[in-house]
Protein backbone atom coordinates (compact mmCIF):
# COMPACT_ATOMS: atom_id res chain seq x y z
CA MET A 1 143.38 124.09 -19.57
CA ALA A 2 146.58 126.49 -19.90
CA PRO A 3 149.54 124.14 -19.02
CA MET A 4 150.16 124.62 -14.92
CA GLU A 5 152.75 127.26 -13.61
CA ALA A 6 154.96 126.91 -11.39
CA THR A 7 154.16 129.44 -8.64
CA LEU A 8 150.72 130.56 -7.92
CA LYS A 9 150.11 133.50 -6.03
CA VAL A 10 146.23 132.48 -4.22
CA GLY A 11 144.17 134.51 -1.64
CA LEU A 12 141.41 134.35 0.90
CA VAL A 13 139.04 136.57 1.97
CA GLN A 14 138.12 136.19 5.78
CA GLN A 15 135.48 138.48 6.69
CA THR A 16 132.37 138.65 9.02
CA CYS A 17 128.82 138.28 7.98
CA THR A 18 125.82 140.02 8.67
CA GLU A 19 121.97 139.50 8.18
CA ASP A 20 122.69 142.09 5.16
CA ARG A 21 123.12 139.70 1.84
CA GLU A 22 124.50 143.18 -0.24
CA ARG A 23 126.80 144.00 2.33
CA ASN A 24 128.34 140.52 2.87
CA LEU A 25 128.44 140.26 -1.13
CA SER A 26 130.45 143.39 -1.67
CA ALA A 27 133.10 142.56 1.32
CA SER A 28 133.69 139.23 -0.47
CA LEU A 29 133.62 141.12 -3.99
CA ASP A 30 136.35 144.12 -2.39
CA GLY A 31 137.85 141.39 -1.13
CA VAL A 32 138.84 139.78 -4.02
CA ARG A 33 139.94 143.09 -5.57
CA GLN A 34 142.04 143.45 -2.94
CA ALA A 35 143.61 140.01 -3.90
CA ALA A 36 143.67 140.58 -7.15
CA ARG A 37 145.80 143.76 -6.52
CA GLN A 38 148.10 141.70 -4.40
CA GLY A 39 148.70 139.19 -7.70
CA ALA A 40 146.71 136.52 -6.55
CA ARG A 41 145.59 134.68 -9.65
CA LEU A 42 143.03 131.89 -7.77
CA VAL A 43 140.91 133.56 -4.70
CA LEU A 44 138.96 131.12 -2.43
CA LEU A 45 136.01 132.55 -0.08
CA GLN A 46 134.56 131.32 2.94
CA GLU A 47 131.49 128.71 3.18
CA LEU A 48 127.86 130.64 2.90
CA HIS A 49 129.83 134.27 2.75
CA THR A 50 126.78 136.02 1.47
CA GLY A 51 125.33 135.63 4.75
CA VAL A 52 125.10 134.15 8.67
CA TYR A 53 125.86 131.33 9.88
CA PHE A 54 122.12 130.53 9.74
CA CYS A 55 122.12 126.67 10.69
CA GLN A 56 122.59 127.56 14.21
CA THR A 57 118.30 127.30 14.55
CA GLU A 58 116.25 125.20 12.06
CA ASP A 59 114.06 127.66 10.33
CA THR A 60 112.13 127.26 7.35
CA ARG A 61 112.18 130.92 6.73
CA ARG A 62 115.99 130.75 5.82
CA PHE A 63 115.05 128.76 2.40
CA ASP A 64 114.30 131.83 0.58
CA MET A 65 118.20 132.79 0.80
CA ALA A 66 118.68 130.21 -1.30
CA GLU A 67 119.08 130.73 -4.71
CA PRO A 68 119.53 128.76 -8.14
CA ILE A 69 123.32 128.34 -10.20
CA PRO A 70 123.62 130.14 -12.30
CA GLY A 71 121.91 133.03 -10.09
CA PRO A 72 122.51 136.43 -8.71
CA THR A 73 125.66 135.04 -6.70
CA SER A 74 127.47 133.01 -8.95
CA ASP A 75 126.63 136.04 -12.00
CA ALA A 76 128.49 138.72 -9.26
CA LEU A 77 131.22 136.44 -9.22
CA ALA A 78 131.82 135.77 -12.76
CA ALA A 79 131.53 139.16 -13.85
CA LEU A 80 134.02 140.19 -11.07
CA ALA A 81 136.39 137.17 -12.51
CA LYS A 82 136.21 138.13 -16.17
CA GLU A 83 136.91 141.78 -15.04
CA LEU A 84 139.91 140.85 -12.78
CA GLY A 85 141.38 137.65 -14.68
CA VAL A 86 141.30 136.09 -11.47
CA VAL A 87 139.73 132.44 -11.19
CA ILE A 88 136.96 132.74 -7.86
CA VAL A 89 135.88 129.93 -5.76
CA GLY A 90 132.49 131.14 -3.82
CA SER A 91 129.93 129.77 -1.78
CA ILE A 92 125.89 129.82 -2.40
CA PHE A 93 123.41 128.15 -0.85
CA GLU A 94 121.57 126.67 -3.68
CA ARG A 95 117.84 126.05 -4.92
CA ARG A 96 117.86 123.39 -6.86
CA ALA A 97 114.03 122.44 -7.04
CA PRO A 98 111.58 123.16 -4.84
CA GLY A 99 112.33 121.96 -1.59
CA LEU A 100 115.93 120.54 -2.66
CA TYR A 101 118.93 122.36 -1.38
CA HIS A 102 122.62 122.17 -1.20
CA ASN A 103 125.75 123.93 0.05
CA THR A 104 127.25 124.02 -2.94
CA ALA A 105 130.92 125.80 -4.07
CA VAL A 106 131.13 127.41 -7.09
CA VAL A 107 134.30 127.93 -9.09
CA LEU A 108 134.45 131.00 -11.77
CA ASP A 109 137.54 130.67 -14.41
CA ARG A 110 139.16 134.19 -15.01
CA ASP A 111 136.79 134.67 -18.17
CA GLY A 112 134.33 134.45 -16.44
CA ARG A 113 133.00 131.03 -16.82
CA LEU A 114 130.80 128.65 -14.57
CA ALA A 115 134.02 125.70 -14.55
CA GLY A 116 132.30 123.57 -12.40
CA THR A 117 130.23 123.18 -9.01
CA TYR A 118 130.80 120.84 -6.03
CA ARG A 119 128.02 120.27 -3.38
CA LYS A 120 129.25 119.39 -0.43
CA MET A 121 128.89 115.78 0.41
CA HIS A 122 129.24 115.71 4.35
CA ILE A 123 126.55 117.30 6.21
CA PRO A 124 126.81 117.59 9.90
CA ASP A 125 124.00 117.54 12.27
CA ASP A 126 124.92 118.88 15.86
CA PRO A 127 124.15 121.58 18.14
CA ALA A 128 124.70 125.05 16.73
CA TYR A 129 125.18 123.29 13.26
CA TYR A 130 121.88 122.23 11.96
CA GLU A 131 122.79 121.10 8.65
CA LYS A 132 120.96 118.14 7.83
CA PHE A 133 117.77 120.02 7.92
CA TYR A 134 118.82 122.56 5.12
CA PHE A 135 121.04 121.16 3.23
CA THR A 136 120.70 117.43 0.70
CA PRO A 137 123.95 115.68 0.52
CA GLY A 138 125.95 116.29 -2.58
CA ASP A 139 125.28 114.00 -5.60
CA LEU A 140 128.38 115.01 -7.97
CA GLY A 141 130.89 112.74 -6.07
CA PHE A 142 134.70 114.06 -5.16
CA MET A 143 135.68 115.25 -8.79
CA PRO A 144 138.50 118.45 -8.98
CA ILE A 145 137.44 121.13 -11.05
CA PRO A 146 139.82 122.39 -14.00
CA THR A 147 140.50 125.70 -14.21
CA SER A 148 143.11 127.98 -16.31
CA VAL A 149 145.25 128.23 -13.30
CA GLY A 150 145.19 124.23 -12.17
CA THR A 151 142.92 121.26 -11.15
CA LEU A 152 140.69 122.41 -8.27
CA GLY A 153 140.06 119.88 -5.32
CA VAL A 154 136.94 122.05 -4.08
CA LEU A 155 135.50 120.49 -0.77
CA VAL A 156 133.40 122.18 2.18
CA CYS A 157 133.58 122.50 5.85
CA TRP A 158 132.87 119.49 7.30
CA ASP A 159 134.37 117.85 4.47
CA GLN A 160 137.11 119.36 5.79
CA TRP A 161 137.95 116.53 8.85
CA TYR A 162 137.35 113.31 6.02
CA PRO A 163 140.63 112.09 4.41
CA GLU A 164 138.67 109.78 2.55
CA ALA A 165 137.59 112.96 0.68
CA ALA A 166 141.03 114.45 -0.13
CA ARG A 167 142.29 111.57 -0.98
CA LEU A 168 139.69 111.18 -3.74
CA MET A 169 140.28 114.69 -4.90
CA ALA A 170 144.10 114.10 -5.12
CA MET A 171 143.47 110.37 -7.06
CA HIS A 172 141.31 112.66 -9.67
CA GLY A 173 144.47 114.88 -10.47
CA ALA A 174 143.51 117.58 -7.81
CA ASP A 175 146.72 120.43 -8.14
CA LEU A 176 145.14 121.95 -4.80
CA LEU A 177 142.71 121.52 -2.02
CA LEU A 178 140.38 124.20 -1.19
CA TYR A 179 138.00 124.22 1.77
CA PRO A 180 135.38 126.79 2.54
CA THR A 181 134.78 126.84 5.88
CA ALA A 182 132.29 128.33 8.52
CA ILE A 183 133.35 127.01 12.14
CA GLY A 184 134.04 128.30 15.52
CA TRP A 185 133.75 127.82 19.31
CA ASP A 186 131.13 127.75 21.63
CA PRO A 187 131.66 130.56 23.85
CA ARG A 188 131.49 128.74 27.01
CA ASP A 189 134.17 126.84 26.48
CA ASP A 190 137.45 127.18 27.90
CA ASP A 191 140.42 128.57 26.70
CA ALA A 192 142.03 124.96 26.68
CA GLU A 193 139.09 123.43 25.00
CA LYS A 194 138.95 126.04 22.71
CA ASN A 195 142.76 125.99 21.50
CA ARG A 196 142.33 121.80 21.48
CA GLN A 197 139.46 122.57 18.69
CA ARG A 198 141.04 125.12 16.58
CA GLU A 199 144.53 123.05 16.53
CA ALA A 200 142.44 119.66 16.20
CA TRP A 201 141.03 121.37 12.88
CA ILE A 202 144.43 122.83 11.87
CA THR A 203 146.08 119.87 11.84
CA ILE A 204 143.67 117.43 10.39
CA GLN A 205 143.86 120.15 7.09
CA ARG A 206 148.03 119.82 6.99
CA GLY A 207 147.60 115.91 7.17
CA HIS A 208 145.84 116.25 3.95
CA ALA A 209 148.30 117.98 2.75
CA ILE A 210 150.71 115.71 3.55
CA ALA A 211 149.14 112.51 2.79
CA ASN A 212 148.49 114.17 -0.79
CA GLY A 213 151.28 115.38 -1.14
CA LEU A 214 149.08 118.48 -1.79
CA PRO A 215 148.95 122.37 -1.14
CA VAL A 216 145.96 122.92 1.02
CA ILE A 217 143.87 126.65 1.11
CA VAL A 218 141.49 126.91 4.04
CA THR A 219 139.11 129.78 4.21
CA ASN A 220 137.09 130.57 7.35
CA ARG A 221 134.84 133.48 8.56
CA THR A 222 135.52 135.38 11.56
CA GLY A 223 133.46 137.23 14.44
CA HIS A 224 130.55 136.33 17.19
CA GLU A 225 127.51 135.90 15.09
CA PRO A 226 124.21 135.02 17.90
CA ASP A 227 122.03 132.19 18.27
CA PRO A 228 118.48 133.47 16.18
CA SER A 229 116.70 132.16 19.18
CA ASP A 230 118.61 133.42 21.83
CA GLN A 231 118.81 130.00 22.92
CA GLY A 232 122.25 129.66 23.21
CA PRO A 233 125.40 131.43 23.40
CA GLY A 234 125.96 131.51 19.48
CA ILE A 235 129.09 131.22 17.37
CA GLU A 236 132.52 132.78 17.96
CA PHE A 237 134.34 132.00 14.73
CA TRP A 238 137.57 131.43 14.99
CA GLY A 239 138.78 132.67 11.58
CA SER A 240 142.86 131.35 11.28
CA SER A 241 142.04 130.87 7.55
CA PHE A 242 145.46 129.08 6.15
CA ILE A 243 147.63 127.91 3.45
CA ALA A 244 150.18 125.13 3.67
CA GLY A 245 152.18 123.32 1.57
CA PRO A 246 152.20 119.73 0.16
CA GLN A 247 154.35 118.91 3.38
CA GLY A 248 152.25 120.27 5.52
CA GLU A 249 154.03 123.75 6.38
CA ILE A 250 152.16 126.41 7.07
CA VAL A 251 152.72 129.12 4.08
CA ALA A 252 150.85 132.03 5.70
CA GLN A 253 148.05 132.79 8.48
CA ALA A 254 144.91 134.77 9.29
CA LYS A 255 144.28 136.17 13.06
CA THR A 256 141.27 134.79 14.88
CA ASN A 257 139.60 137.38 15.42
CA GLU A 258 139.54 140.12 12.34
CA SER A 259 138.59 140.31 8.61
CA THR A 260 141.63 139.68 6.42
CA VAL A 261 142.77 139.24 2.64
CA LEU A 262 145.56 137.13 3.00
CA VAL A 263 148.16 136.82 -0.45
CA ALA A 264 150.86 133.95 -0.70
CA ASP A 265 152.63 132.27 -2.69
CA VAL A 266 152.20 128.48 -3.89
CA ASN A 267 154.85 126.06 -5.41
CA LEU A 268 152.56 123.93 -7.36
CA ARG A 269 155.53 122.23 -8.90
CA ARG A 270 156.77 120.97 -5.39
CA SER A 271 154.24 118.47 -5.09
CA GLU A 272 156.05 115.82 -7.78
CA ASP A 273 159.59 116.64 -5.76
CA VAL A 274 157.57 115.66 -2.17
CA ARG A 275 155.75 112.59 -3.65
CA ARG A 276 159.21 111.42 -4.80
CA ILE A 277 160.74 111.16 -1.75
CA TRP A 278 157.31 110.21 0.41
CA PRO A 279 155.75 107.79 -2.36
CA PHE A 280 152.63 107.31 -0.76
CA PHE A 281 150.27 106.71 -3.54
CA ARG A 282 153.18 103.98 -4.88
CA ASP A 283 152.53 102.18 -1.10
CA ARG A 284 148.91 102.21 -0.73
CA ARG A 285 147.49 98.87 -0.36
CA ILE A 286 144.77 98.88 -2.71
CA ASP A 287 144.49 95.13 -2.66
CA ALA A 288 143.27 95.23 1.44
CA TYR A 289 141.21 98.91 1.49
CA GLN A 290 138.05 96.56 1.24
CA ASP A 291 136.39 97.72 4.41
CA LEU A 292 136.62 101.10 3.79
CA VAL A 293 133.16 100.63 2.35
CA LYS A 294 131.58 99.37 5.27
CA ARG A 295 130.14 101.91 8.14
CA TYR A 296 132.47 100.16 10.62
CA GLY A 297 134.60 97.25 10.67
CA LYS A 298 132.92 94.99 13.27
C-alpha cells in the first residue's frame, strides 16, 4: 500500500435502479467515469446497485440475481478501476454456495485487483426490508481493507446504526468509514415523520465520524421502487448521500430525489489533529465494557 495522501478526492454515485441489470450497471460505471473525470481517486457505489431493492418481498426467484465473487459485476468494476486508475467500492448479492448468499461489498484497487470484501454483518428483518430471507450474516468480521488510497472501513446499510461496528473498524486501523446504503421512506408517512427518520440516519453516521475521528462516506439510492407484491406502497428512497469530516461536519451532500455524482476532497490528515484534541481512544474504559458482549444488561 502506498503512503496515505493528505487530501483524497472521493466520489459518490447516487442512482435510481430498475429491473434492467445491464442498465443499472451501466449507470454505475458511467457514474464512476464522471467522478474520475472530476478527479476522484476513490468512488463509492450504493448498496445492491445492479438491481432494484428486491428485499421488499420474499421471493425465491430473486436468488437468480446472485453471483459469485469474482463474477460479472466484480469483473466489470475491476476492469474500470484499472482503466481509470481509481479505487471502486461496489455492492454485490453474493452467491457463495447453493442456498448460501451474502450482501457483500467489494473493493477493487486502482490496478484492478480485488483488494478485499466485506459481508454485511447486521441483517434487518422488518416490513419492506426482509433481508434475513436472502442474506446470511457476514463472517469476515469488522476488518478494514488496505488499498492504494488508504485503509477502508467498509460497512453496509443496516450496519450504519451500530456504533460498535464503526468503532471496531476504527480500532483496526480504518482511515475512512464507507457505507453503501439502500434506505427510504414509507410514502404513507407524513412529512414530519419522514424528516425525523432522515435526520436520525444522517445524525448517527455523523456521530460515528465524531466518535472515531474519521471521515464518513455514505451513498444511498434514490427514486421510488414499487412493492412487487402490490401489497404495500413501495419505498421512496431518500438519497441524501453525503461526505462528513472527522468532526461530523458535512463536506458535501446530494439531494433526496435525483441521480447524482458527488465529488469532494477529504483531508485524511485531519484525523490525527482531531484525535489529539478529542482523545476518545485514550480515555476509553476498556476495563469496564464487558457488558457490551451481552444481549442486554439485565
